[in-house]
Amino acid sequence: MLQSTHGNGTSPALPITIYSDVICPWCYIGKRRFEAALGAPGMPERMDISWRPFELNPDMPSEGMERSAYRAAKFGAEKARQLDQQMAANGREAGIAFAFDKMKRTPNTRLAHRLIWQAERAGRQTQNAVVNRLFEGYFEEGLDIGKKDVLVAIAKDAGLDGKVAKTALEAEHTLEAVLDLEDAGIRMGIRGVPFFLLIDKYAISGAQPPELWRDALPKIAAEFAGAAA
């Protein structure tokens, strides 16, 4: 699982901000491909990773929609089936067992993003753990991550206090925080995810292969360390 820090060196932690949606399969694949690069020689010793919200379906009803109906309306039933097959193949290459047959609903993800925001208050590693569990729960277990009880259970699995999670899903300030962060991303020009922003300077969009990260991360980390020094 992606962690906020990597290694025990004294170099400054490389700041990486990731915009994503937890019902975006390419975001899950992009996360796994990024992680696959981290064990290579020359990778940054330490990273400070934060997750930011981007809703693919901001106008989705709060209760979500039946996935088959949603996909058929968006793509057509046959095209939707073909897309799921192609995504399943891409997932296998990244070590993800997409379970599209278990996914009965396409949820509204605003509550999930409020949980992710709250998890960051407990630390970046807790936030990463919650994001990872949300991806796993939705894509590999078919959980309806638009439901509060499901989200509280996911929070507990990831090490976040259940009462804190429940409060976050009901408190007005978490909604305001998520909407503000989404607006900031849109003002930056983000129109699709995953979107990686490194040292507030370099943008990398899409589920890029590990080879790209193995080439880019050491160079960006060296630039960042030099500027910090």
C-alpha atoms as a PDB file:
ATOM      1  CA  MET A   1       0.000   0.000   0.000  1.00  0.00           C
ATOM      2  CA  LEU A   2       1.155   3.535  -0.766  1.00  0.00           C
ATOM      3  CA  GLN A   3       2.642   5.225   2.285  1.00  0.00           C
ATOM      4  CA  SER A   4       3.336   8.874   3.067  1.00  0.00           C
ATOM      5  CA  THR A   5       6.991   8.201   3.779  1.00  0.00           C
ATOM      6  CA  HIS A   6       9.419   5.848   2.108  1.00  0.00           C
ATOM      7  CA  GLY A   7      12.715   5.035   3.785  1.00  0.00           C
ATOM      8  CA  ASN A   8      14.444   6.637   6.758  1.00  0.00           C
ATOM      9  CA  GLY A   9      16.787   9.113   5.108  1.00  0.00           C
ATOM     10  CA  THR A  10      17.280  12.744   6.042  1.00  0.00           C
ATOM     11  CA  SER A  11      16.391  14.225   2.661  1.00  0.00           C
ATOM     12  CA  PRO A  12      13.261  16.417   2.599  1.00  0.00           C
ATOM     13  CA  ALA A  13      10.007  14.596   1.959  1.00  0.00           C
ATOM     14  CA  LEU A  14       8.927  15.009  -1.660  1.00  0.00           C
ATOM     15  CA  PRO A  15       5.439  16.612  -1.703  1.00  0.00           C
ATOM     16  CA  ILE A  16       2.980  14.863  -4.009  1.00  0.00           C
ATOM     17  CA  THR A  17      -0.694  15.792  -4.257  1.00  0.00           C
ATOM     18  CA  ILE A  18      -2.994  13.290  -5.981  1.00  0.00           C
ATOM     19  CA  TYR A  19      -6.412  14.269  -7.272  1.00  0.00           C
ATOM     20  CA  SER A  20      -8.652  11.253  -7.774  1.00  0.00           C
ATOM     21  CA  ASP A  21     -12.089   9.740  -7.372  1.00  0.00           C
ATOM     22  CA  VAL A  22     -12.527   6.424  -5.614  1.00  0.00           C
ATOM     23  CA  ILE A  23     -14.907   5.111  -8.302  1.00  0.00           C
ATOM     24  CA  CYS A  24     -12.374   5.858 -11.042  1.00  0.00           C
ATOM     25  CA  PRO A  25     -10.764   2.578 -12.146  1.00  0.00           C
ATOM     26  CA  TRP A  26      -7.890   4.408 -13.824  1.00  0.00           C
ATOM     27  CA  CYS A  27      -7.176   6.151 -10.524  1.00  0.00           C
ATOM     28  CA  TYR A  28      -6.817   2.766  -8.836  1.00  0.00           C
ATOM     29  CA  ILE A  29      -4.597   1.477 -11.636  1.00  0.00           C
ATOM     30  CA  GLY A  30      -2.585   4.696 -11.588  1.00  0.00           C
ATOM     31  CA  LYS A  31      -2.032   4.308  -7.861  1.00  0.00           C
ATOM     32  CA  ARG A  32      -0.818   0.735  -8.270  1.00  0.00           C
ATOM     33  CA  ARG A  33       1.486   1.640 -11.156  1.00  0.00           C
ATOM     34  CA  PHE A  34       2.945   4.492  -9.119  1.00  0.00           C
ATOM     35  CA  GLU A  35       3.544   2.133  -6.205  1.00  0.00           C
ATOM     36  CA  ALA A  36       5.191  -0.412  -8.492  1.00  0.00           C
ATOM     37  CA  ALA A  37       7.932   2.096  -9.273  1.00  0.00           C
ATOM     38  CA  LEU A  38       8.839   2.885  -5.687  1.00  0.00           C
ATOM     39  CA  GLY A  39      11.075  -0.097  -5.037  1.00  0.00           C
ATOM     40  CA  ALA A  40      13.455   0.766  -7.861  1.00  0.00           C
ATOM     41  CA  PRO A  41      16.950   2.138  -7.155  1.00  0.00           C
ATOM     42  CA  GLY A  42      17.181   5.901  -6.918  1.00  0.00           C
ATOM     43  CA  MET A  43      13.614   6.493  -5.806  1.00  0.00           C
ATOM     44  CA  PRO A  44      12.978   9.305  -3.278  1.00  0.00           C
ATOM     45  CA  GLU A  45      13.688   8.223   0.275  1.00  0.00           C
ATOM     46  CA  ARG A  46      10.728  10.124   1.682  1.00  0.00           C
ATOM     47  CA  MET A  47       7.440  11.351   0.216  1.00  0.00           C
ATOM     48  CA  ASP A  48       4.648  13.489   1.639  1.00  0.00           C
ATOM     49  CA  ILE A  49       1.541  12.303  -0.202  1.00  0.00           C
ATOM     50  CA  SER A  50      -1.870  13.905   0.102  1.00  0.00           C
ATOM     51  CA  TRP A  51      -5.116  12.969  -1.622  1.00  0.00           C
ATOM     52  CA  ARG A  52      -7.547  15.543  -2.998  1.00  0.00           C
ATOM     53  CA  PRO A  53     -11.141  15.174  -4.220  1.00  0.00           C
ATOM     54  CA  PHE A  54     -12.360  15.113  -7.787  1.00  0.00           C
ATOM     55  CA  GLU A  55     -15.918  13.863  -8.325  1.00  0.00           C
ATOM     56  CA  LEU A  56     -16.497  12.184 -11.665  1.00  0.00           C
ATOM     57  CA  ASN A  57     -20.260  12.437 -11.134  1.00  0.00           C
ATOM     58  CA  PRO A  58     -20.896  15.482  -8.938  1.00  0.00           C
ATOM     59  CA  ASP A  59     -24.582  15.479  -9.909  1.00  0.00           C
ATOM     60  CA  MET A  60     -25.124  11.818  -9.016  1.00  0.00           C
ATOM     61  CA  PRO A  61     -28.146  11.366  -6.688  1.00  0.00           C
ATOM     62  CA  SER A  62     -27.034  11.000  -3.089  1.00  0.00           C
ATOM     63  CA  GLU A  63     -28.282   7.402  -3.044  1.00  0.00           C
ATOM     64  CA  GLY A  64     -26.370   6.564  -6.229  1.00  0.00           C
ATOM     65  CA  MET A  65     -27.766   4.627  -9.187  1.00  0.00           C
ATOM     66  CA  GLU A  66     -28.000   1.038 -10.278  1.00  0.00           C
ATOM     67  CA  ARG A  67     -24.670   0.498 -12.019  1.00  0.00           C
ATOM     68  CA  SER A  68     -25.987  -1.479 -14.984  1.00  0.00           C
ATOM     69  CA  ALA A  69     -28.592   1.191 -15.734  1.00  0.00           C
ATOM     70  CA  TYR A  70     -26.080   4.012 -15.307  1.00  0.00           C
ATOM     71  CA  ARG A  71     -23.513   2.355 -17.565  1.00  0.00           C
ATOM     72  CA  ALA A  72     -26.084   1.432 -20.202  1.00  0.00           C
ATOM     73  CA  ALA A  73     -27.359   5.001 -20.329  1.00  0.00           C
ATOM     74  CA  LYS A  74     -23.826   6.392 -20.590  1.00  0.00           C
ATOM     75  CA  PHE A  75     -22.235   3.915 -23.012  1.00  0.00           C
ATOM     76  CA  GLY A  76     -24.860   1.450 -24.166  1.00  0.00           C
ATOM     77  CA  ALA A  77     -25.114  -2.008 -22.613  1.00  0.00           C
ATOM     78  CA  GLU A  78     -22.768  -3.797 -25.025  1.00  0.00           C
ATOM     79  CA  LYS A  79     -20.131  -1.069 -24.994  1.00  0.00           C
ATOM     80  CA  ALA A  80     -20.275  -0.991 -21.188  1.00  0.00           C
ATOM     81  CA  ARG A  81     -19.664  -4.740 -21.092  1.00  0.00           C
ATOM     82  CA  GLN A  82     -16.675  -4.422 -23.425  1.00  0.00           C
ATOM     83  CA  LEU A  83     -15.226  -1.573 -21.367  1.00  0.00           C
ATOM     84  CA  ASP A  84     -15.480  -3.664 -18.199  1.00  0.00           C
ATOM     85  CA  GLN A  85     -13.658  -6.519 -19.915  1.00  0.00           C
ATOM     86  CA  GLN A  86     -10.884  -4.207 -21.082  1.00  0.00           C
ATOM     87  CA  MET A  87     -10.565  -2.636 -17.637  1.00  0.00           C
ATOM     88  CA  ALA A  88     -10.428  -6.053 -15.995  1.00  0.00           C
ATOM     89  CA  ALA A  89      -7.477  -6.927 -18.229  1.00  0.00           C
ATOM     90  CA  ASN A  90      -5.720  -3.662 -17.378  1.00  0.00           C
ATOM     91  CA  GLY A  91      -6.390  -4.342 -13.711  1.00  0.00           C
ATOM     92  CA  ARG A  92      -4.845  -7.793 -13.819  1.00  0.00           C
ATOM     93  CA  GLU A  93      -1.614  -6.281 -15.132  1.00  0.00           C
ATOM     94  CA  ALA A  94      -1.572  -3.967 -12.095  1.00  0.00           C
ATOM     95  CA  GLY A  95      -2.488  -6.691  -9.613  1.00  0.00           C
ATOM     96  CA  ILE A  96      -6.117  -5.576  -9.226  1.00  0.00           C
ATOM     97  CA  ALA A  97      -8.959  -8.089  -9.312  1.00  0.00           C
ATOM     98  CA  PHE A  98     -11.790  -5.889 -10.559  1.00  0.00           C
ATOM     99  CA  ALA A  99     -15.078  -7.495  -9.489  1.00  0.00           C
ATOM    100  CA  PHE A 100     -17.517  -5.715 -11.771  1.00  0.00           C
ATOM    101  CA  ASP A 101     -20.062  -8.502 -11.293  1.00  0.00           C
ATOM    102  CA  LYS A 102     -20.277  -7.601  -7.590  1.00  0.00           C
ATOM    103  CA  MET A 103     -20.693  -3.865  -8.175  1.00  0.00           C
ATOM    104  CA  LYS A 104     -24.427  -3.304  -8.119  1.00  0.00           C
ATOM    105  CA  ARG A 105     -24.513   0.478  -7.687  1.00  0.00           C
ATOM    106  CA  THR A 106     -22.574   3.503  -8.866  1.00  0.00           C
ATOM    107  CA  PRO A 107     -22.384   5.630  -5.725  1.00  0.00           C
ATOM    108  CA  ASN A 108     -22.228   9.318  -5.103  1.00  0.00           C
ATOM    109  CA  THR A 109     -18.677   9.735  -3.768  1.00  0.00           C
ATOM    110  CA  ARG A 110     -18.990  13.013  -1.878  1.00  0.00           C
ATOM    111  CA  LEU A 111     -19.303  11.251   1.472  1.00  0.00           C
ATOM    112  CA  ALA A 112     -16.232   9.162   0.663  1.00  0.00           C
ATOM    113  CA  HIS A 113     -14.262  12.323  -0.059  1.00  0.00           C
ATOM    114  CA  ARG A 114     -15.401  13.814   3.243  1.00  0.00           C
ATOM    115  CA  LEU A 115     -14.055  10.694   4.956  1.00  0.00           C
ATOM    116  CA  ILE A 116     -10.752  11.016   3.080  1.00  0.00           C
ATOM    117  CA  TRP A 117     -10.478  14.647   4.168  1.00  0.00           C
ATOM    118  CA  GLN A 118     -11.132  13.714   7.787  1.00  0.00           C
ATOM    119  CA  ALA A 119      -8.595  10.884   7.633  1.00  0.00           C
ATOM    120  CA  GLU A 120      -5.885  13.381   6.716  1.00  0.00           C
ATOM    121  CA  ARG A 121      -6.479  15.104  10.061  1.00  0.00           C
ATOM    122  CA  ALA A 122      -5.217  11.871  11.660  1.00  0.00           C
ATOM    123  CA  GLY A 123      -2.111  11.846   9.470  1.00  0.00           C
ATOM    124  CA  ARG A 124      -1.156  11.265   5.869  1.00  0.00           C
ATOM    125  CA  GLN A 125      -0.615   7.536   6.371  1.00  0.00           C
ATOM    126  CA  THR A 126      -4.120   7.182   7.767  1.00  0.00           C
ATOM    127  CA  GLN A 127      -5.460   9.063   4.769  1.00  0.00           C
ATOM    128  CA  ASN A 128      -3.559   6.756   2.417  1.00  0.00           C
ATOM    129  CA  ALA A 129      -4.932   3.731   4.246  1.00  0.00           C
ATOM    130  CA  VAL A 130      -8.505   5.003   3.923  1.00  0.00           C
ATOM    131  CA  VAL A 131      -8.061   5.720   0.195  1.00  0.00           C
ATOM    132  CA  ASN A 132      -6.607   2.272  -0.359  1.00  0.00           C
ATOM    133  CA  ARG A 133      -9.442   0.602   1.529  1.00  0.00           C
ATOM    134  CA  LEU A 134     -12.047   2.569  -0.426  1.00  0.00           C
ATOM    135  CA  PHE A 135     -10.545   1.430  -3.728  1.00  0.00           C
ATOM    136  CA  GLU A 136     -10.375  -2.173  -2.544  1.00  0.00           C
ATOM    137  CA  GLY A 137     -13.861  -2.139  -1.093  1.00  0.00           C
ATOM    138  CA  TYR A 138     -15.528  -0.703  -4.170  1.00  0.00           C
ATOM    139  CA  PHE A 139     -13.626  -2.347  -6.991  1.00  0.00           C
ATOM    140  CA  GLU A 140     -12.698  -5.723  -5.511  1.00  0.00           C
ATOM    141  CA  GLU A 141     -15.525  -6.357  -3.049  1.00  0.00           C
ATOM    142  CA  GLY A 142     -18.424  -4.510  -4.640  1.00  0.00           C
ATOM    143  CA  LEU A 143     -19.183  -2.431  -1.535  1.00  0.00           C
ATOM    144  CA  ASP A 144     -21.551   0.516  -1.860  1.00  0.00           C
ATOM    145  CA  ILE A 145     -19.201   3.259  -0.702  1.00  0.00           C
ATOM    146  CA  GLY A 146     -21.986   5.818  -0.865  1.00  0.00           C
ATOM    147  CA  LYS A 147     -23.509   4.428   2.353  1.00  0.00           C
ATOM    148  CA  LYS A 148     -22.526   5.855   5.708  1.00  0.00           C
ATOM    149  CA  ASP A 149     -22.393   2.522   7.522  1.00  0.00           C
ATOM    150  CA  VAL A 150     -20.117   1.082   4.845  1.00  0.00           C
ATOM    151  CA  LEU A 151     -17.838   4.116   5.052  1.00  0.00           C
ATOM    152  CA  VAL A 152     -17.603   3.923   8.836  1.00  0.00           C
ATOM    153  CA  ALA A 153     -16.630   0.244   8.574  1.00  0.00           C
ATOM    154  CA  ILE A 154     -13.999   1.114   5.958  1.00  0.00           C
ATOM    155  CA  ALA A 155     -12.661   3.860   8.222  1.00  0.00           C
ATOM    156  CA  LYS A 156     -12.280   1.394  11.089  1.00  0.00           C
ATOM    157  CA  ASP A 157     -10.531  -1.097   8.807  1.00  0.00           C
ATOM    158  CA  ALA A 158      -8.040   1.637   7.899  1.00  0.00           C
ATOM    159  CA  GLY A 159      -7.351   2.606  11.494  1.00  0.00           C
ATOM    160  CA  LEU A 160      -9.588   5.680  11.810  1.00  0.00           C
ATOM    161  CA  ASP A 161     -11.813   5.959  14.861  1.00  0.00           C
ATOM    162  CA  GLY A 162     -15.389   5.023  13.997  1.00  0.00           C
ATOM    163  CA  LYS A 163     -16.970   7.872  15.966  1.00  0.00           C
ATOM    164  CA  VAL A 164     -14.681  10.367  14.283  1.00  0.00           C
ATOM    165  CA  ALA A 165     -15.617   8.934  10.890  1.00  0.00           C
ATOM    166  CA  LYS A 166     -19.346   9.060  11.623  1.00  0.00           C
ATOM    167  CA  THR A 167     -19.113  12.672  12.748  1.00  0.00           C
ATOM    168  CA  ALA A 168     -17.150  13.592   9.625  1.00  0.00           C
ATOM    169  CA  LEU A 169     -19.883  12.150   7.402  1.00  0.00           C
ATOM    170  CA  GLU A 170     -22.483  14.360   9.086  1.00  0.00           C
ATOM    171  CA  ALA A 171     -20.600  17.571   9.912  1.00  0.00           C
ATOM    172  CA  GLU A 172     -21.040  20.608   7.701  1.00  0.00           C
ATOM    173  CA  HIS A 173     -17.365  21.611   7.850  1.00  0.00           C
ATOM    174  CA  THR A 174     -16.205  18.444   6.038  1.00  0.00           C
ATOM    175  CA  LEU A 175     -18.598  19.144   3.175  1.00  0.00           C
ATOM    176  CA  GLU A 176     -17.352  22.725   2.905  1.00  0.00           C
ATOM    177  CA  ALA A 177     -13.731  21.562   2.973  1.00  0.00           C
ATOM    178  CA  VAL A 178     -14.259  19.026   0.167  1.00  0.00           C
ATOM    179  CA  LEU A 179     -16.129  21.492  -2.027  1.00  0.00           C
ATOM    180  CA  ASP A 180     -13.394  24.094  -1.508  1.00  0.00           C
ATOM    181  CA  LEU A 181     -10.685  21.603  -2.480  1.00  0.00           C
ATOM    182  CA  GLU A 182     -12.628  20.511  -5.558  1.00  0.00           C
ATOM    183  CA  ASP A 183     -13.079  24.126  -6.619  1.00  0.00           C
ATOM    184  CA  ALA A 184      -9.341  24.704  -6.175  1.00  0.00           C
ATOM    185  CA  GLY A 185      -8.581  21.755  -8.441  1.00  0.00           C
ATOM    186  CA  ILE A 186     -10.962  22.996 -11.108  1.00  0.00           C
ATOM    187  CA  ARG A 187      -9.396  26.472 -10.954  1.00  0.00           C
ATOM    188  CA  MET A 188      -6.015  24.816 -11.512  1.00  0.00           C
ATOM    189  CA  GLY A 189      -7.412  23.385 -14.731  1.00  0.00           C
ATOM    190  CA  ILE A 190      -7.833  19.771 -13.639  1.00  0.00           C
ATOM    191  CA  ARG A 191     -10.429  18.116 -15.845  1.00  0.00           C
ATOM    192  CA  GLY A 192      -9.600  14.436 -15.424  1.00  0.00           C
ATOM    193  CA  VAL A 193      -8.044  12.052 -12.948  1.00  0.00           C
ATOM    194  CA  PRO A 194      -5.742  10.660 -11.743  1.00  0.00           C
ATOM    195  CA  PHE A 195      -3.776  13.877 -11.615  1.00  0.00           C
ATOM    196  CA  PHE A 196      -0.451  14.049  -9.761  1.00  0.00           C
ATOM    197  CA  LEU A 197       1.040  17.382  -8.716  1.00  0.00           C
ATOM    198  CA  LEU A 198       4.673  17.169  -7.608  1.00  0.00           C
ATOM    199  CA  ILE A 199       6.398  19.927  -5.599  1.00  0.00           C
ATOM    200  CA  ASP A 200       3.567  22.253  -6.703  1.00  0.00           C
ATOM    201  CA  LYS A 201       5.336  22.527 -10.049  1.00  0.00           C
ATOM    202  CA  TYR A 202       5.123  19.381 -12.169  1.00  0.00           C
ATOM    203  CA  ALA A 203       1.819  17.854 -13.266  1.00  0.00           C
ATOM    204  CA  ILE A 204       1.514  14.252 -14.417  1.00  0.00           C
ATOM    205  CA  SER A 205      -1.908  13.179 -15.629  1.00  0.00           C
ATOM    206  CA  GLY A 206      -3.285   9.707 -16.157  1.00  0.00           C
ATOM    207  CA  ALA A 207      -2.401   6.172 -15.069  1.00  0.00           C
ATOM    208  CA  GLN A 208       1.193   6.349 -16.211  1.00  0.00           C
ATOM    209  CA  PRO A 209       3.381   3.219 -16.372  1.00  0.00           C
ATOM    210  CA  PRO A 210       5.985   2.527 -13.666  1.00  0.00           C
ATOM    211  CA  GLU A 211       8.757   3.317 -16.151  1.00  0.00           C
ATOM    212  CA  LEU A 212       7.687   6.949 -16.321  1.00  0.00           C
ATOM    213  CA  TRP A 213       7.788   7.257 -12.534  1.00  0.00           C
ATOM    214  CA  ARG A 214      11.177   5.545 -12.315  1.00  0.00           C
ATOM    215  CA  ASP A 215      12.534   8.155 -14.682  1.00  0.00           C
ATOM    216  CA  ALA A 216      10.718  11.240 -13.339  1.00  0.00           C
ATOM    217  CA  LEU A 217      10.741  10.849  -9.568  1.00  0.00           C
ATOM    218  CA  PRO A 218      14.532  10.813  -8.987  1.00  0.00           C
ATOM    219  CA  LYS A 219      14.957  13.921 -11.137  1.00  0.00           C
ATOM    220  CA  ILE A 220      12.170  15.833  -9.404  1.00  0.00           C
ATOM    221  CA  ALA A 221      13.371  14.710  -5.990  1.00  0.00           C
ATOM    222  CA  ALA A 222      16.899  15.877  -6.766  1.00  0.00           C
ATOM    223  CA  GLU A 223      15.610  19.268  -7.876  1.00  0.00           C
ATOM    224  CA  PHE A 224      13.511  19.574  -4.731  1.00  0.00           C
ATOM    225  CA  ALA A 225      16.368  18.555  -2.440  1.00  0.00           C
ATOM    226  CA  GLY A 226      18.691  21.029  -4.150  1.00  0.00           C
ATOM    227  CA  ALA A 227      16.199  23.855  -3.718  1.00  0.00           C
ATOM    228  CA  ALA A 228      15.685  22.955  -0.057  1.00  0.00           C
ATOM    229  CA  ALA A 229      19.426  22.926   0.548  1.00  0.00           C
END
